Amino acid sequence: MIRLDENFRLDNDDRCYILQERKIVKNGENKGAERWENVCCPSTLESALKTYRDLLLKRRSAADKALNIERLIYLIKEQDKQFLQGLTKVLKETGCEGH
């Protein structure tokens, strides 16, 4: 299991990677409980990471209704920077850095 951030992680089986998002149950007897919901099941790690990046970018740009191209480029660069920092941290923690 690879933890991408506090709300996303990657799991996998023999056939695919599974991008999962953390959700908090809002109603019912399990209200407040944490669960992990499958977002997609890409066949490659590269595709899983691209999907994660694109999903975060779409959510950030959707929140800004008056987004112009300069702001979009800035958001992409910032998202890539944060993503690479997080990935580097995961690689260090798992001893996979430099492989």
Protein backbone atom coordinates (compact mmCIF):
# COMPACT_ATOMS: atom_id res chain seq x y z
CA MET A 1 0.00 0.00 0.00
CA ILE A 2 1.32 3.45 -0.94
CA ARG A 3 -0.07 6.43 0.96
CA LEU A 4 -0.17 9.39 -1.46
CA ASP A 5 -1.57 11.93 1.01
CA GLU A 6 -4.08 11.96 3.86
CA ASN A 7 -7.00 11.33 1.50
CA PHE A 8 -5.56 9.08 -1.22
CA ARG A 9 -3.66 5.82 -1.34
CA LEU A 10 -2.68 3.16 -3.88
CA ASP A 11 -3.31 -0.49 -3.32
CA ASN A 12 -2.68 -3.21 -5.87
CA ASP A 13 -3.25 -6.80 -6.79
CA ASP A 14 -1.70 -8.99 -9.49
CA ARG A 15 -3.66 -7.30 -12.28
CA CYS A 16 -3.90 -3.60 -11.44
CA TYR A 17 -3.32 -0.71 -9.11
CA ILE A 18 -6.28 0.61 -7.14
CA LEU A 19 -6.51 4.34 -6.48
CA GLN A 20 -8.56 4.80 -3.31
CA GLU A 21 -9.99 7.92 -1.69
CA ARG A 22 -10.69 8.30 2.03
CA LYS A 23 -14.31 9.11 2.83
CA ILE A 24 -16.02 9.84 6.10
CA VAL A 25 -19.51 8.38 6.54
CA LYS A 26 -21.91 11.31 6.99
CA ASN A 27 -25.16 9.55 7.96
CA GLY A 28 -26.45 6.38 9.55
CA GLU A 29 -25.16 4.25 12.35
CA ASN A 30 -21.56 4.44 11.08
CA LYS A 31 -21.57 8.26 10.96
CA GLY A 32 -18.01 9.58 11.34
CA ALA A 33 -16.40 6.27 10.38
CA GLU A 34 -13.58 6.26 7.86
CA ARG A 35 -13.83 4.14 4.73
CA TRP A 36 -11.76 3.87 1.55
CA GLU A 37 -13.58 4.09 -1.78
CA ASN A 38 -12.08 2.79 -5.03
CA VAL A 39 -11.69 5.60 -7.59
CA CYS A 40 -10.22 3.59 -10.46
CA CYS A 41 -8.16 0.52 -11.26
CA PRO A 42 -5.47 1.38 -13.82
CA SER A 43 -3.10 -1.34 -14.99
CA THR A 44 0.13 0.65 -14.54
CA LEU A 45 1.64 2.66 -11.72
CA GLU A 46 2.26 5.54 -14.11
CA SER A 47 -1.41 5.65 -15.07
CA ALA A 48 -2.49 5.48 -11.42
CA LEU A 49 -0.25 8.41 -10.48
CA LYS A 50 -1.39 10.46 -13.48
CA THR A 51 -5.02 9.83 -12.54
CA TYR A 52 -4.32 10.97 -8.98
CA ARG A 53 -2.58 14.14 -10.21
CA ASP A 54 -5.31 14.96 -12.72
CA LEU A 55 -8.09 14.38 -10.20
CA LEU A 56 -6.51 16.77 -7.69
CA LEU A 57 -5.98 19.39 -10.39
CA LYS A 58 -9.57 19.10 -11.62
CA ARG A 59 -10.89 19.59 -8.11
CA ARG A 60 -8.69 22.63 -7.51
CA SER A 61 -9.60 24.25 -10.83
CA ALA A 62 -13.33 23.50 -10.37
CA ALA A 63 -13.25 25.37 -7.06
CA ASP A 64 -12.01 28.52 -8.86
CA LYS A 65 -14.80 29.59 -11.25
CA ALA A 66 -12.83 32.55 -12.68
CA LEU A 67 -9.70 30.56 -13.50
CA ASN A 68 -7.51 32.03 -16.23
CA ILE A 69 -4.71 30.23 -18.09
CA GLU A 70 -1.93 31.81 -16.01
CA ARG A 71 -3.60 30.63 -12.81
CA LEU A 72 -4.12 27.16 -14.27
CA ILE A 73 -0.43 26.90 -15.19
CA TYR A 74 0.49 28.03 -11.68
CA LEU A 75 -1.83 25.41 -10.14
CA ILE A 76 -0.33 22.68 -12.33
CA LYS A 77 3.21 23.62 -11.31
CA GLU A 78 2.29 23.78 -7.63
CA GLN A 79 0.43 20.46 -7.82
CA ASP A 80 3.42 18.81 -9.53
CA LYS A 81 5.77 20.23 -6.89
CA GLN A 82 3.63 18.91 -4.03
CA PHE A 83 3.16 15.58 -5.77
CA LEU A 84 6.91 15.09 -6.30
CA GLN A 85 7.66 16.06 -2.69
CA GLY A 86 5.11 13.53 -1.46
CA LEU A 87 6.39 10.82 -3.76
CA THR A 88 9.99 11.46 -2.68
CA LYS A 89 8.90 11.16 0.97
CA VAL A 90 7.17 7.84 0.29
CA LEU A 91 10.23 6.51 -1.54
CA LYS A 92 12.50 7.50 1.35
CA GLU A 93 10.19 5.93 3.91
CA THR A 94 10.04 2.66 2.00
CA GLY A 95 13.75 2.55 1.18
CA CYS A 96 13.08 2.68 -2.57
CA GLU A 97 14.75 6.02 -3.29
CA GLY A 98 17.22 5.81 -6.15
CA HIS A 99 15.89 2.50 -7.52
